[in-house]
Amino acid sequence: MVVDFSAYRVGQHVELRNLAGEGAQARVMRFAVDRDESDDSAVPARLSTVEALDPARAAVTRDFDFSSGSMHGGRGG
């Protein structure tokens, strides 16, 4: 994951929140912007290669049914 904090000033805090959670479950992570430096890093064009799996070699097959709805007062999509 790459996070760009360039829109924030030194001393500000940025909080990653779980909108489906409440209280401590809602607060996932907090970042403190503590310095202002240039960043010459770059995301590579290709992150990795994922080998295709052969379904015929699977030991177990499971089916999942995903649906949207309300959870903890929030709405999933």
N, C-alpha and C. Protein backbone atom coordinates (compact mmCIF):
# COMPACT_ATOMS: atom_id res chain seq x y z
N MET A 1 0.84 -1.15 0.00
CA MET A 1 0.00 0.00 0.00
C MET A 1 0.90 1.23 0.00
N VAL A 2 0.57 2.18 -0.82
CA VAL A 2 1.29 3.45 -0.87
C VAL A 2 0.31 4.53 -0.44
N VAL A 3 0.72 5.33 0.54
CA VAL A 3 -0.13 6.41 1.03
C VAL A 3 0.59 7.72 0.80
N ASP A 4 -0.08 8.66 0.18
CA ASP A 4 0.48 9.98 -0.11
C ASP A 4 -0.04 10.97 0.92
N PHE A 5 0.86 11.47 1.78
CA PHE A 5 0.48 12.43 2.81
C PHE A 5 0.82 13.86 2.43
N SER A 6 1.12 14.09 1.16
CA SER A 6 1.56 15.43 0.74
C SER A 6 0.50 16.51 0.92
N ALA A 7 -0.76 16.14 1.05
CA ALA A 7 -1.82 17.14 1.24
C ALA A 7 -1.94 17.58 2.70
N TYR A 8 -1.15 16.99 3.59
CA TYR A 8 -1.25 17.29 5.02
C TYR A 8 -0.02 18.02 5.51
N ARG A 9 -0.22 18.90 6.49
CA ARG A 9 0.87 19.67 7.06
C ARG A 9 1.54 18.89 8.19
N VAL A 10 2.81 19.21 8.46
CA VAL A 10 3.51 18.62 9.60
C VAL A 10 2.72 18.94 10.87
N GLY A 11 2.52 17.92 11.69
CA GLY A 11 1.75 18.08 12.93
C GLY A 11 0.33 17.56 12.82
N GLN A 12 -0.15 17.37 11.60
CA GLN A 12 -1.52 16.84 11.44
C GLN A 12 -1.53 15.33 11.63
N HIS A 13 -2.70 14.81 11.96
CA HIS A 13 -2.90 13.37 12.10
C HIS A 13 -3.93 12.92 11.05
N VAL A 14 -3.70 11.73 10.51
CA VAL A 14 -4.61 11.14 9.54
C VAL A 14 -5.04 9.79 10.13
N GLU A 15 -6.34 9.56 10.16
CA GLU A 15 -6.85 8.33 10.76
C GLU A 15 -7.56 7.48 9.72
N LEU A 16 -7.20 6.20 9.68
CA LEU A 16 -7.87 5.22 8.83
C LEU A 16 -8.98 4.62 9.67
N ARG A 17 -10.23 4.70 9.17
CA ARG A 17 -11.38 4.25 9.96
C ARG A 17 -12.15 3.15 9.26
N ASN A 18 -12.71 2.27 10.07
CA ASN A 18 -13.61 1.22 9.62
C ASN A 18 -15.02 1.77 9.81
N LEU A 19 -15.70 2.12 8.72
CA LEU A 19 -17.02 2.73 8.82
C LEU A 19 -18.09 1.76 9.29
N ALA A 20 -17.79 0.46 9.27
CA ALA A 20 -18.75 -0.53 9.77
C ALA A 20 -18.56 -0.79 11.26
N GLY A 21 -17.49 -0.27 11.83
CA GLY A 21 -17.19 -0.52 13.24
C GLY A 21 -17.67 0.61 14.13
N GLU A 22 -17.61 0.35 15.44
CA GLU A 22 -17.98 1.35 16.44
C GLU A 22 -16.88 1.41 17.49
N GLY A 23 -16.68 2.57 18.09
CA GLY A 23 -15.69 2.72 19.15
C GLY A 23 -14.30 2.34 18.67
N ALA A 24 -13.63 1.51 19.48
CA ALA A 24 -12.25 1.10 19.14
C ALA A 24 -12.19 0.30 17.85
N GLN A 25 -13.26 -0.41 17.49
CA GLN A 25 -13.27 -1.18 16.24
C GLN A 25 -13.28 -0.27 15.02
N ALA A 26 -13.73 0.95 15.18
CA ALA A 26 -13.77 1.88 14.05
C ALA A 26 -12.40 2.49 13.78
N ARG A 27 -11.58 2.61 14.81
CA ARG A 27 -10.26 3.23 14.66
C ARG A 27 -9.24 2.16 14.29
N VAL A 28 -8.87 2.12 13.01
CA VAL A 28 -7.97 1.09 12.50
C VAL A 28 -6.51 1.48 12.69
N MET A 29 -6.16 2.69 12.25
CA MET A 29 -4.76 3.11 12.28
C MET A 29 -4.69 4.63 12.27
N ARG A 30 -3.70 5.19 12.94
CA ARG A 30 -3.52 6.65 12.98
C ARG A 30 -2.09 6.98 12.56
N PHE A 31 -1.96 7.93 11.65
CA PHE A 31 -0.66 8.36 11.16
C PHE A 31 -0.39 9.77 11.65
N ALA A 32 0.83 10.03 12.09
CA ALA A 32 1.25 11.37 12.49
C ALA A 32 2.20 11.89 11.41
N VAL A 33 1.85 13.00 10.80
CA VAL A 33 2.72 13.62 9.79
C VAL A 33 3.76 14.41 10.57
N ASP A 34 5.02 13.93 10.54
CA ASP A 34 6.03 14.55 11.40
C ASP A 34 7.21 15.15 10.67
N ARG A 35 7.19 15.11 9.34
CA ARG A 35 8.26 15.77 8.61
C ARG A 35 7.81 16.08 7.19
N ASP A 36 8.49 17.01 6.57
CA ASP A 36 8.18 17.44 5.21
C ASP A 36 9.42 17.22 4.36
N GLU A 37 9.42 16.13 3.60
CA GLU A 37 10.56 15.81 2.75
C GLU A 37 10.09 15.43 1.36
N SER A 38 10.94 15.61 0.39
CA SER A 38 10.59 15.18 -0.96
C SER A 38 10.67 13.67 -1.04
N ASP A 39 9.91 13.10 -1.95
CA ASP A 39 9.85 11.64 -2.10
C ASP A 39 10.08 11.30 -3.56
N ASP A 40 11.16 10.60 -3.84
CA ASP A 40 11.46 10.24 -5.22
C ASP A 40 11.13 8.77 -5.51
N SER A 41 10.38 8.14 -4.62
CA SER A 41 10.00 6.75 -4.84
C SER A 41 8.93 6.66 -5.92
N ALA A 42 8.78 5.47 -6.47
CA ALA A 42 7.78 5.24 -7.52
C ALA A 42 7.26 3.82 -7.40
N VAL A 43 6.00 3.64 -7.78
CA VAL A 43 5.41 2.31 -7.81
C VAL A 43 5.84 1.65 -9.12
N PRO A 44 6.41 0.44 -9.05
CA PRO A 44 6.84 -0.22 -10.29
C PRO A 44 5.66 -0.55 -11.20
N ALA A 45 5.92 -0.64 -12.49
CA ALA A 45 4.87 -0.95 -13.47
C ALA A 45 4.25 -2.32 -13.20
N ARG A 46 5.04 -3.26 -12.71
CA ARG A 46 4.56 -4.61 -12.40
C ARG A 46 5.01 -4.95 -10.99
N LEU A 47 4.06 -5.24 -10.10
CA LEU A 47 4.40 -5.52 -8.72
C LEU A 47 4.88 -6.95 -8.51
N SER A 48 4.21 -7.90 -9.13
CA SER A 48 4.62 -9.30 -9.00
C SER A 48 3.95 -10.13 -10.09
N THR A 49 4.36 -11.37 -10.17
CA THR A 49 3.75 -12.31 -11.09
C THR A 49 3.03 -13.37 -10.26
N VAL A 50 1.78 -13.63 -10.59
CA VAL A 50 0.99 -14.62 -9.87
C VAL A 50 0.78 -15.82 -10.78
N GLU A 51 1.24 -16.96 -10.30
CA GLU A 51 1.11 -18.18 -11.08
C GLU A 51 -0.34 -18.65 -11.08
N ALA A 52 -0.85 -19.02 -12.26
CA ALA A 52 -2.23 -19.52 -12.36
C ALA A 52 -2.34 -20.87 -11.67
N LEU A 53 -3.41 -21.05 -10.92
CA LEU A 53 -3.65 -22.30 -10.21
C LEU A 53 -4.50 -23.23 -11.06
N ASP A 54 -4.28 -24.52 -10.91
CA ASP A 54 -5.03 -25.53 -11.64
C ASP A 54 -6.19 -26.00 -10.76
N PRO A 55 -7.45 -25.64 -11.09
CA PRO A 55 -8.59 -26.04 -10.27
C PRO A 55 -8.71 -27.55 -10.10
N ALA A 56 -8.22 -28.33 -11.04
CA ALA A 56 -8.30 -29.79 -10.96
C ALA A 56 -7.42 -30.34 -9.83
N ARG A 57 -6.45 -29.57 -9.37
CA ARG A 57 -5.55 -30.01 -8.31
C ARG A 57 -5.99 -29.55 -6.93
N ALA A 58 -7.14 -28.88 -6.84
CA ALA A 58 -7.62 -28.37 -5.56
C ALA A 58 -8.02 -29.52 -4.64
N ALA A 59 -7.61 -29.45 -3.38
CA ALA A 59 -7.97 -30.47 -2.39
C ALA A 59 -9.39 -30.25 -1.90
N VAL A 60 -9.79 -28.98 -1.81
CA VAL A 60 -11.13 -28.62 -1.33
C VAL A 60 -11.63 -27.47 -2.18
N THR A 61 -12.90 -27.49 -2.52
CA THR A 61 -13.53 -26.38 -3.24
C THR A 61 -14.64 -25.83 -2.37
N ARG A 62 -14.68 -24.52 -2.22
CA ARG A 62 -15.72 -23.87 -1.42
C ARG A 62 -16.40 -22.80 -2.27
N ASP A 63 -17.70 -22.65 -2.07
CA ASP A 63 -18.46 -21.60 -2.75
C ASP A 63 -18.86 -20.56 -1.71
N PHE A 64 -18.68 -19.29 -2.04
CA PHE A 64 -19.05 -18.19 -1.15
C PHE A 64 -20.15 -17.37 -1.82
N ASP A 65 -21.09 -16.93 -1.02
CA ASP A 65 -22.18 -16.09 -1.51
C ASP A 65 -22.07 -14.74 -0.82
N PHE A 66 -21.72 -13.72 -1.57
CA PHE A 66 -21.57 -12.37 -1.02
C PHE A 66 -22.81 -11.55 -1.35
N SER A 67 -23.29 -10.84 -0.37
CA SER A 67 -24.44 -9.97 -0.60
C SER A 67 -24.29 -8.70 0.22
N SER A 68 -24.96 -7.67 -0.18
CA SER A 68 -24.87 -6.41 0.55
C SER A 68 -26.01 -6.34 1.57
N GLY A 69 -25.83 -5.46 2.52
CA GLY A 69 -26.84 -5.30 3.55
C GLY A 69 -26.30 -4.43 4.67
N SER A 70 -27.04 -4.34 5.75
CA SER A 70 -26.61 -3.50 6.86
C SER A 70 -25.83 -4.33 7.87
N MET A 71 -24.86 -3.67 8.51
CA MET A 71 -24.03 -4.33 9.52
C MET A 71 -23.55 -3.28 10.49
N HIS A 72 -23.82 -3.46 11.76
CA HIS A 72 -23.38 -2.52 12.80
C HIS A 72 -23.83 -1.10 12.50
N GLY A 73 -25.02 -0.95 11.97
CA GLY A 73 -25.53 0.39 11.67
C GLY A 73 -25.03 0.98 10.36
N GLY A 74 -24.16 0.27 9.66
CA GLY A 74 -23.64 0.77 8.38
C GLY A 74 -24.22 -0.03 7.23
N ARG A 75 -23.94 0.38 6.05
CA ARG A 75 -24.48 -0.25 4.85
C ARG A 75 -23.33 -0.76 3.99
N GLY A 76 -23.38 -2.02 3.59
CA GLY A 76 -22.35 -2.60 2.71
C GLY A 76 -22.82 -2.55 1.27
N GLY A 77 -21.87 -2.56 0.35
CA GLY A 77 -22.26 -2.45 -1.05
C GLY A 77 -21.79 -3.55 -1.91
